[in-house]
PDB file of N, CA and C in Angstrom:
ATOM      1  N   MET A   1      99.799  26.209  93.029  1.00  0.00           N
ATOM      2  CA  MET A   1      99.318  27.485  94.069  1.00  0.00           C
ATOM      3  C   MET A   1     100.551  28.039  94.804  1.00  0.00           C
ATOM      4  N   LEU A   2     100.801  29.062  95.082  1.00  0.00           N
ATOM      5  CA  LEU A   2     101.764  29.546  95.726  1.00  0.00           C
ATOM      6  C   LEU A   2     101.927  29.186  97.280  1.00  0.00           C
ATOM      7  N   TYR A   3     102.983  29.005  97.667  1.00  0.00           N
ATOM      8  CA  TYR A   3     103.447  28.472  98.917  1.00  0.00           C
ATOM      9  C   TYR A   3     102.732  27.179  99.413  1.00  0.00           C
ATOM     10  N   VAL A   4     102.238  26.541  98.529  1.00  0.00           N
ATOM     11  CA  VAL A   4     101.674  25.029  98.975  1.00  0.00           C
ATOM     12  C   VAL A   4     102.990  24.233  99.325  1.00  0.00           C
ATOM     13  N   ARG A   5     103.945  24.218  98.633  1.00  0.00           N
ATOM     14  CA  ARG A   5     105.117  23.499  99.092  1.00  0.00           C
ATOM     15  C   ARG A   5     105.672  23.975 100.187  1.00  0.00           C
ATOM     16  N   GLU A   6     105.753  25.029 100.768  1.00  0.00           N
ATOM     17  CA  GLU A   6     106.364  25.503 102.115  1.00  0.00           C
ATOM     18  C   GLU A   6     105.496  24.978 103.062  1.00  0.00           C
ATOM     19  N   ILE A   7     104.144  24.960 102.809  1.00  0.00           N
ATOM     20  CA  ILE A   7     103.348  24.719 103.787  1.00  0.00           C
ATOM     21  C   ILE A   7     103.296  23.214 104.039  1.00  0.00           C
ATOM     22  N   SER A   8     103.212  22.403 102.997  1.00  0.00           N
ATOM     23  CA  SER A   8     103.406  20.856 103.118  1.00  0.00           C
ATOM     24  C   SER A   8     104.523  20.543 103.806  1.00  0.00           C
ATOM     25  N   ASP A   9     105.821  21.180 103.466  1.00  0.00           N
ATOM     26  CA  ASP A   9     106.878  20.906 104.124  1.00  0.00           C
ATOM     27  C   ASP A   9     107.098  20.872 105.656  1.00  0.00           C
ATOM     28  N   LEU A  10     106.604  22.047 106.008  1.00  0.00           N
ATOM     29  CA  LEU A  10     106.122  22.377 107.539  1.00  0.00           C
ATOM     30  C   LEU A  10     105.169  21.460 108.260  1.00  0.00           C
ATOM     31  N   MET A  11     104.073  21.242 107.467  1.00  0.00           N
ATOM     32  CA  MET A  11     103.022  20.512 108.330  1.00  0.00           C
ATOM     33  C   MET A  11     102.902  19.030 108.172  1.00  0.00           C
ATOM     34  N   ALA A  12     103.611  18.325 107.267  1.00  0.00           N
ATOM     35  CA  ALA A  12     103.585  16.993 106.807  1.00  0.00           C
ATOM     36  C   ALA A  12     104.890  16.670 107.867  1.00  0.00           C
ATOM     37  N   ALA A  13     105.845  17.162 108.237  1.00  0.00           N
ATOM     38  CA  ALA A  13     106.630  16.808 109.384  1.00  0.00           C
ATOM     39  C   ALA A  13     106.369  16.729 110.701  1.00  0.00           C
ATOM     40  N   TYR A  14     105.084  17.234 110.862  1.00  0.00           N
ATOM     41  CA  TYR A  14     104.235  17.024 112.212  1.00  0.00           C
ATOM     42  C   TYR A  14     103.041  16.943 111.989  1.00  0.00           C
ATOM     43  N   PRO A  15     102.571  15.757 111.393  1.00  0.00           N
ATOM     44  CA  PRO A  15     101.365  15.430 111.134  1.00  0.00           C
ATOM     45  C   PRO A  15     100.518  14.995 112.435  1.00  0.00           C
ATOM     46  N   GLY A  16      99.261  15.800 112.672  1.00  0.00           N
ATOM     47  CA  GLY A  16      98.552  15.838 113.554  1.00  0.00           C
ATOM     48  C   GLY A  16      98.575  16.728 114.632  1.00  0.00           C
ATOM     49  N   ARG A  17      99.634  17.839 114.313  1.00  0.00           N
ATOM     50  CA  ARG A  17      99.698  18.777 115.091  1.00  0.00           C
ATOM     51  C   ARG A  17      99.123  19.960 114.583  1.00  0.00           C
ATOM     52  N   GLY A  18      98.618  20.757 115.604  1.00  0.00           N
ATOM     53  CA  GLY A  18      98.033  22.182 114.962  1.00  0.00           C
ATOM     54  C   GLY A  18      98.755  23.280 115.051  1.00  0.00           C
ATOM     55  N   PHE A  19      98.862  23.767 113.919  1.00  0.00           N
ATOM     56  CA  PHE A  19      99.562  25.058 113.619  1.00  0.00           C
ATOM     57  C   PHE A  19      98.640  26.433 113.690  1.00  0.00           C
ATOM     58  N   LYS A  20      99.199  27.545 114.281  1.00  0.00           N
ATOM     59  CA  LYS A  20      98.497  28.720 114.263  1.00  0.00           C
ATOM     60  C   LYS A  20      98.869  29.362 112.868  1.00  0.00           C
ATOM     61  N   MET A  21      98.224  30.080 112.354  1.00  0.00           N
ATOM     62  CA  MET A  21      98.532  30.738 111.117  1.00  0.00           C
ATOM     63  C   MET A  21      99.470  31.595 111.177  1.00  0.00           C
ATOM     64  N   GLN A  22      99.959  32.316 112.074  1.00  0.00           N
ATOM     65  CA  GLN A  22     101.117  33.187 112.600  1.00  0.00           C
ATOM     66  C   GLN A  22     102.445  32.361 112.358  1.00  0.00           C
ATOM     67  N   GLU A  23     102.464  30.888 112.927  1.00  0.00           N
ATOM     68  CA  GLU A  23     103.349  29.945 112.524  1.00  0.00           C
ATOM     69  C   GLU A  23     103.704  29.665 111.332  1.00  0.00           C
ATOM     70  N   ILE A  24     102.668  29.395 110.656  1.00  0.00           N
ATOM     71  CA  ILE A  24     102.827  29.096 109.310  1.00  0.00           C
ATOM     72  C   ILE A  24     103.268  30.437 108.323  1.00  0.00           C
ATOM     73  N   VAL A  25     102.859  31.470 108.615  1.00  0.00           N
ATOM     74  CA  VAL A  25     103.346  32.586 107.813  1.00  0.00           C
ATOM     75  C   VAL A  25     104.925  32.885 108.121  1.00  0.00           C
ATOM     76  N   ARG A  26     105.197  32.775 109.404  1.00  0.00           N
ATOM     77  CA  ARG A  26     106.660  32.914 109.562  1.00  0.00           C
ATOM     78  C   ARG A  26     107.273  32.022 108.794  1.00  0.00           C
ATOM     79  N   TYR A  27     107.110  30.666 108.867  1.00  0.00           N
ATOM     80  CA  TYR A  27     107.966  29.550 108.301  1.00  0.00           C
ATOM     81  C   TYR A  27     107.969  29.962 106.734  1.00  0.00           C
ATOM     82  N   VAL A  28     106.999  30.222 106.127  1.00  0.00           N
ATOM     83  CA  VAL A  28     106.621  30.574 104.813  1.00  0.00           C
ATOM     84  C   VAL A  28     107.573  31.830 104.246  1.00  0.00           C
ATOM     85  N   ALA A  29     107.682  32.629 105.342  1.00  0.00           N
ATOM     86  CA  ALA A  29     108.388  33.964 105.268  1.00  0.00           C
ATOM     87  C   ALA A  29     109.882  33.907 105.203  1.00  0.00           C
ATOM     88  N   GLY A  30     110.207  32.615 105.784  1.00  0.00           N
ATOM     89  CA  GLY A  30     111.643  32.159 105.603  1.00  0.00           C
ATOM     90  C   GLY A  30     112.763  33.163 106.456  1.00  0.00           C
ATOM     91  N   GLY A  31     112.022  33.774 107.432  1.00  0.00           N
ATOM     92  CA  GLY A  31     112.790  34.509 108.461  1.00  0.00           C
ATOM     93  C   GLY A  31     113.091  36.050 107.918  1.00  0.00           C
ATOM     94  N   ARG A  32     112.492  36.171 106.768  1.00  0.00           N
ATOM     95  CA  ARG A  32     112.394  37.703 106.509  1.00  0.00           C
ATOM     96  C   ARG A  32     111.495  38.571 107.060  1.00  0.00           C
ATOM     97  N   ARG A  33     112.060  39.643 107.445  1.00  0.00           N
ATOM     98  CA  ARG A  33     111.256  40.923 108.119  1.00  0.00           C
ATOM     99  C   ARG A  33     110.581  41.706 106.988  1.00  0.00           C
ATOM    100  N   LEU A  34     109.100  41.538 106.871  1.00  0.00           N
ATOM    101  CA  LEU A  34     108.238  42.225 105.945  1.00  0.00           C
ATOM    102  C   LEU A  34     107.676  43.523 106.703  1.00  0.00           C
ATOM    103  N   ASP A  35     107.452  44.449 105.746  1.00  0.00           N
ATOM    104  CA  ASP A  35     106.380  45.346 106.064  1.00  0.00           C
ATOM    105  C   ASP A  35     105.203  45.110 106.103  1.00  0.00           C
ATOM    106  N   GLY A  36     104.258  46.239 106.302  1.00  0.00           N
ATOM    107  CA  GLY A  36     102.956  45.810 106.417  1.00  0.00           C
ATOM    108  C   GLY A  36     102.035  45.011 105.451  1.00  0.00           C
ATOM    109  N   ARG A  37     102.179  45.773 104.056  1.00  0.00           N
ATOM    110  CA  ARG A  37     101.791  45.366 103.051  1.00  0.00           C
ATOM    111  C   ARG A  37     102.296  43.920 102.456  1.00  0.00           C
ATOM    112  N   ALA A  38     103.420  43.771 102.506  1.00  0.00           N
ATOM    113  CA  ALA A  38     103.883  42.433 102.112  1.00  0.00           C
ATOM    114  C   ALA A  38     103.764  41.307 103.194  1.00  0.00           C
ATOM    115  N   ARG A  39     103.371  41.667 104.424  1.00  0.00           N
ATOM    116  CA  ARG A  39     103.146  40.542 105.356  1.00  0.00           C
ATOM    117  C   ARG A  39     101.426  40.416 105.289  1.00  0.00           C
ATOM    118  N   TYR A  40     100.670  41.518 104.753  1.00  0.00           N
ATOM    119  CA  TYR A  40      99.347  41.267 104.478  1.00  0.00           C
ATOM    120  C   TYR A  40      99.211  40.262 103.070  1.00  0.00           C
ATOM    121  N   ALA A  41     100.196  40.633 102.255  1.00  0.00           N
ATOM    122  CA  ALA A  41      99.877  39.796 101.001  1.00  0.00           C
ATOM    123  C   ALA A  41     100.550  38.489 101.194  1.00  0.00           C
ATOM    124  N   LEU A  42     101.625  38.090 101.864  1.00  0.00           N
ATOM    125  CA  LEU A  42     102.041  36.941 102.420  1.00  0.00           C
ATOM    126  C   LEU A  42     100.891  36.198 103.035  1.00  0.00           C
ATOM    127  N   HIS A  43     100.320  36.870 104.059  1.00  0.00           N
ATOM    128  CA  HIS A  43      98.852  36.116 104.834  1.00  0.00           C
ATOM    129  C   HIS A  43      98.014  35.555 103.765  1.00  0.00           C
ATOM    130  N   LYS A  44      97.420  36.469 103.272  1.00  0.00           N
ATOM    131  CA  LYS A  44      96.399  36.350 102.145  1.00  0.00           C
ATOM    132  C   LYS A  44      96.667  34.859 101.187  1.00  0.00           C
ATOM    133  N   SER A  45      97.891  34.915 100.817  1.00  0.00           N
ATOM    134  CA  SER A  45      98.331  33.776  99.898  1.00  0.00           C
ATOM    135  C   SER A  45      98.295  32.665 100.550  1.00  0.00           C
ATOM    136  N   THR A  46      98.942  32.759 101.739  1.00  0.00           N
ATOM    137  CA  THR A  46      99.137  31.504 102.815  1.00  0.00           C
ATOM    138  C   THR A  46      97.478  30.968 103.096  1.00  0.00           C
ATOM    139  N   LEU A  47      96.771  31.904 103.416  1.00  0.00           N
ATOM    140  CA  LEU A  47      95.568  31.381 103.522  1.00  0.00           C
ATOM    141  C   LEU A  47      94.584  30.866 102.411  1.00  0.00           C
ATOM    142  N   ARG A  48      94.882  31.435 101.037  1.00  0.00           N
ATOM    143  CA  ARG A  48      94.518  30.899  99.773  1.00  0.00           C
ATOM    144  C   ARG A  48      95.040  29.525  99.613  1.00  0.00           C
ATOM    145  N   ALA A  49      96.205  29.144  99.790  1.00  0.00           N
ATOM    146  CA  ALA A  49      96.903  27.926  99.854  1.00  0.00           C
ATOM    147  C   ALA A  49      96.432  26.813 101.023  1.00  0.00           C
ATOM    148  N   LEU A  50      96.292  27.535 102.030  1.00  0.00           N
ATOM    149  CA  LEU A  50      95.761  26.449 103.080  1.00  0.00           C
ATOM    150  C   LEU A  50      94.052  26.075 102.723  1.00  0.00           C
ATOM    151  N   VAL A  51      93.266  26.923 102.119  1.00  0.00           N
ATOM    152  CA  VAL A  51      91.936  26.801 101.717  1.00  0.00           C
ATOM    153  C   VAL A  51      91.842  25.778 100.657  1.00  0.00           C
ATOM    154  N   ALA A  52      92.805  25.872  99.707  1.00  0.00           N
ATOM    155  CA  ALA A  52      93.009  24.683  98.366  1.00  0.00           C
ATOM    156  C   ALA A  52      93.597  23.599  99.309  1.00  0.00           C
ATOM    157  N   LEU A  53      94.337  23.504 100.234  1.00  0.00           N
ATOM    158  CA  LEU A  53      94.828  21.937 100.656  1.00  0.00           C
ATOM    159  C   LEU A  53      93.439  21.438 101.738  1.00  0.00           C
ATOM    160  N   GLN A  54      92.677  22.353 102.340  1.00  0.00           N
ATOM    161  CA  GLN A  54      91.634  21.835 102.947  1.00  0.00           C
ATOM    162  C   GLN A  54      90.275  21.338 101.879  1.00  0.00           C
ATOM    163  N   GLU A  55      90.282  22.120 100.858  1.00  0.00           N
ATOM    164  CA  GLU A  55      89.321  21.699  99.969  1.00  0.00           C
ATOM    165  C   GLU A  55      89.867  20.061  99.270  1.00  0.00           C
ATOM    166  N   ALA A  56      91.317  19.923  99.257  1.00  0.00           N
ATOM    167  CA  ALA A  56      91.903  18.325  98.665  1.00  0.00           C
ATOM    168  C   ALA A  56      91.830  17.444  99.752  1.00  0.00           C
ATOM    169  N   GLY A  57      91.408  17.868 101.072  1.00  0.00           N
ATOM    170  CA  GLY A  57      91.236  17.083 102.192  1.00  0.00           C
ATOM    171  C   GLY A  57      92.532  16.427 102.912  1.00  0.00           C
ATOM    172  N   VAL A  58      93.304  17.472 102.645  1.00  0.00           N
ATOM    173  CA  VAL A  58      94.657  17.217 103.255  1.00  0.00           C
ATOM    174  C   VAL A  58      94.875  17.832 104.542  1.00  0.00           C
ATOM    175  N   VAL A  59      94.222  18.916 104.783  1.00  0.00           N
ATOM    176  CA  VAL A  59      94.373  19.707 105.929  1.00  0.00           C
ATOM    177  C   VAL A  59      93.039  19.968 106.613  1.00  0.00           C
ATOM    178  N   LEU A  60      93.080  19.920 107.982  1.00  0.00           N
ATOM    179  CA  LEU A  60      91.885  19.983 108.914  1.00  0.00           C
ATOM    180  C   LEU A  60      91.633  21.524 109.557  1.00  0.00           C
ATOM    181  N   VAL A  61      90.783  22.376 109.506  1.00  0.00           N
ATOM    182  CA  VAL A  61      90.788  23.365 109.951  1.00  0.00           C
ATOM    183  C   VAL A  61      89.811  23.402 111.353  1.00  0.00           C
ATOM    184  N   ARG A  62      90.303  23.706 112.292  1.00  0.00           N
ATOM    185  CA  ARG A  62      89.489  24.010 113.974  1.00  0.00           C
ATOM    186  C   ARG A  62      89.310  25.510 113.685  1.00  0.00           C
ATOM    187  N   PRO A  63      88.024  25.999 113.659  1.00  0.00           N
ATOM    188  CA  PRO A  63      87.847  27.446 113.728  1.00  0.00           C
ATOM    189  C   PRO A  63      88.020  28.038 114.849  1.00  0.00           C
ATOM    190  N   PRO A  64      88.118  29.361 114.982  1.00  0.00           N
ATOM    191  CA  PRO A  64      88.537  29.984 116.416  1.00  0.00           C
ATOM    192  C   PRO A  64      87.343  29.714 117.390  1.00  0.00           C
ATOM    193  N   ARG A  65      87.693  29.462 118.531  1.00  0.00           N
ATOM    194  CA  ARG A  65      86.698  29.185 119.517  1.00  0.00           C
ATOM    195  C   ARG A  65      86.159  30.347 120.182  1.00  0.00           C
ATOM    196  N   ALA A  66      86.938  31.404 120.399  1.00  0.00           N
ATOM    197  CA  ALA A  66      86.297  32.813 120.921  1.00  0.00           C
ATOM    198  C   ALA A  66      86.051  33.853 119.838  1.00  0.00           C
ATOM    199  N   ALA A  67      84.950  34.580 119.910  1.00  0.00           N
ATOM    200  CA  ALA A  67      84.545  35.456 118.872  1.00  0.00           C
ATOM    201  C   ALA A  67      85.895  36.451 118.720  1.00  0.00           C
ATOM    202  N   ARG A  68      86.421  37.109 119.364  1.00  0.00           N
ATOM    203  CA  ARG A  68      87.604  38.099 119.643  1.00  0.00           C
ATOM    204  C   ARG A  68      88.829  37.441 120.380  1.00  0.00           C
ATOM    205  N   GLY A  69      89.973  37.386 119.491  1.00  0.00           N
ATOM    206  CA  GLY A  69      91.318  37.040 120.187  1.00  0.00           C
ATOM    207  C   GLY A  69      91.498  35.556 119.929  1.00  0.00           C
ATOM    208  N   GLY A  70      90.684  34.872 119.143  1.00  0.00           N
ATOM    209  CA  GLY A  70      90.601  33.245 119.242  1.00  0.00           C
ATOM    210  C   GLY A  70      91.506  33.232 117.929  1.00  0.00           C
ATOM    211  N   PHE A  71      91.607  31.997 117.657  1.00  0.00           N
ATOM    212  CA  PHE A  71      92.629  31.617 116.507  1.00  0.00           C
ATOM    213  C   PHE A  71      92.361  30.225 115.816  1.00  0.00           C
ATOM    214  N   ALA A  72      92.434  30.324 114.676  1.00  0.00           N
ATOM    215  CA  ALA A  72      92.021  28.628 114.148  1.00  0.00           C
ATOM    216  C   ALA A  72      93.429  27.925 113.989  1.00  0.00           C
ATOM    217  N   LEU A  73      93.369  26.801 114.285  1.00  0.00           N
ATOM    218  CA  LEU A  73      94.263  25.907 113.999  1.00  0.00           C
ATOM    219  C   LEU A  73      94.266  24.993 112.774  1.00  0.00           C
ATOM    220  N   TYR A  74      95.473  24.683 111.998  1.00  0.00           N
ATOM    221  CA  TYR A  74      95.508  23.949 110.773  1.00  0.00           C
ATOM    222  C   TYR A  74      96.265  22.867 111.288  1.00  0.00           C
ATOM    223  N   ARG A  75      95.780  21.577 110.662  1.00  0.00           N
ATOM    224  CA  ARG A  75      96.388  20.441 111.279  1.00  0.00           C
ATOM    225  C   ARG A  75      96.329  19.292 109.788  1.00  0.00           C
ATOM    226  N   TRP A  76      97.651  18.754 109.380  1.00  0.00           N
ATOM    227  CA  TRP A  76      97.833  17.972 108.191  1.00  0.00           C
ATOM    228  C   TRP A  76      97.281  16.461 108.631  1.00  0.00           C
ATOM    229  N   LEU A  77      96.530  16.092 107.731  1.00  0.00           N
ATOM    230  CA  LEU A  77      96.006  14.675 107.664  1.00  0.00           C
ATOM    231  C   LEU A  77      96.674  13.704 107.088  1.00  0.00           C
ATOM    232  N   ALA A  78      97.304  13.834 106.144  1.00  0.00           N
ATOM    233  CA  ALA A  78      97.825  12.805 105.253  1.00  0.00           C
ATOM    234  C   ALA A  78      99.055  12.524 105.771  1.00  0.00           C
TER     235      ALA A  78
END
């Protein structure tokens, strides 16, 4: 799956720490500035990789606390 290696590199270095999606996407982007479509595509691909890691039991997802303006946290378990 695309971007699983980058996500695991980032999150495995800090096990137990919660990451916002924005932090993960910035890391996966590698410092590149992306336009709207490319950023959206990267976000979707990253989300798919995180869902796959969650299904594998490696990532724990804490859902957003507030209905609007809240954010999910992704935590590496292994």
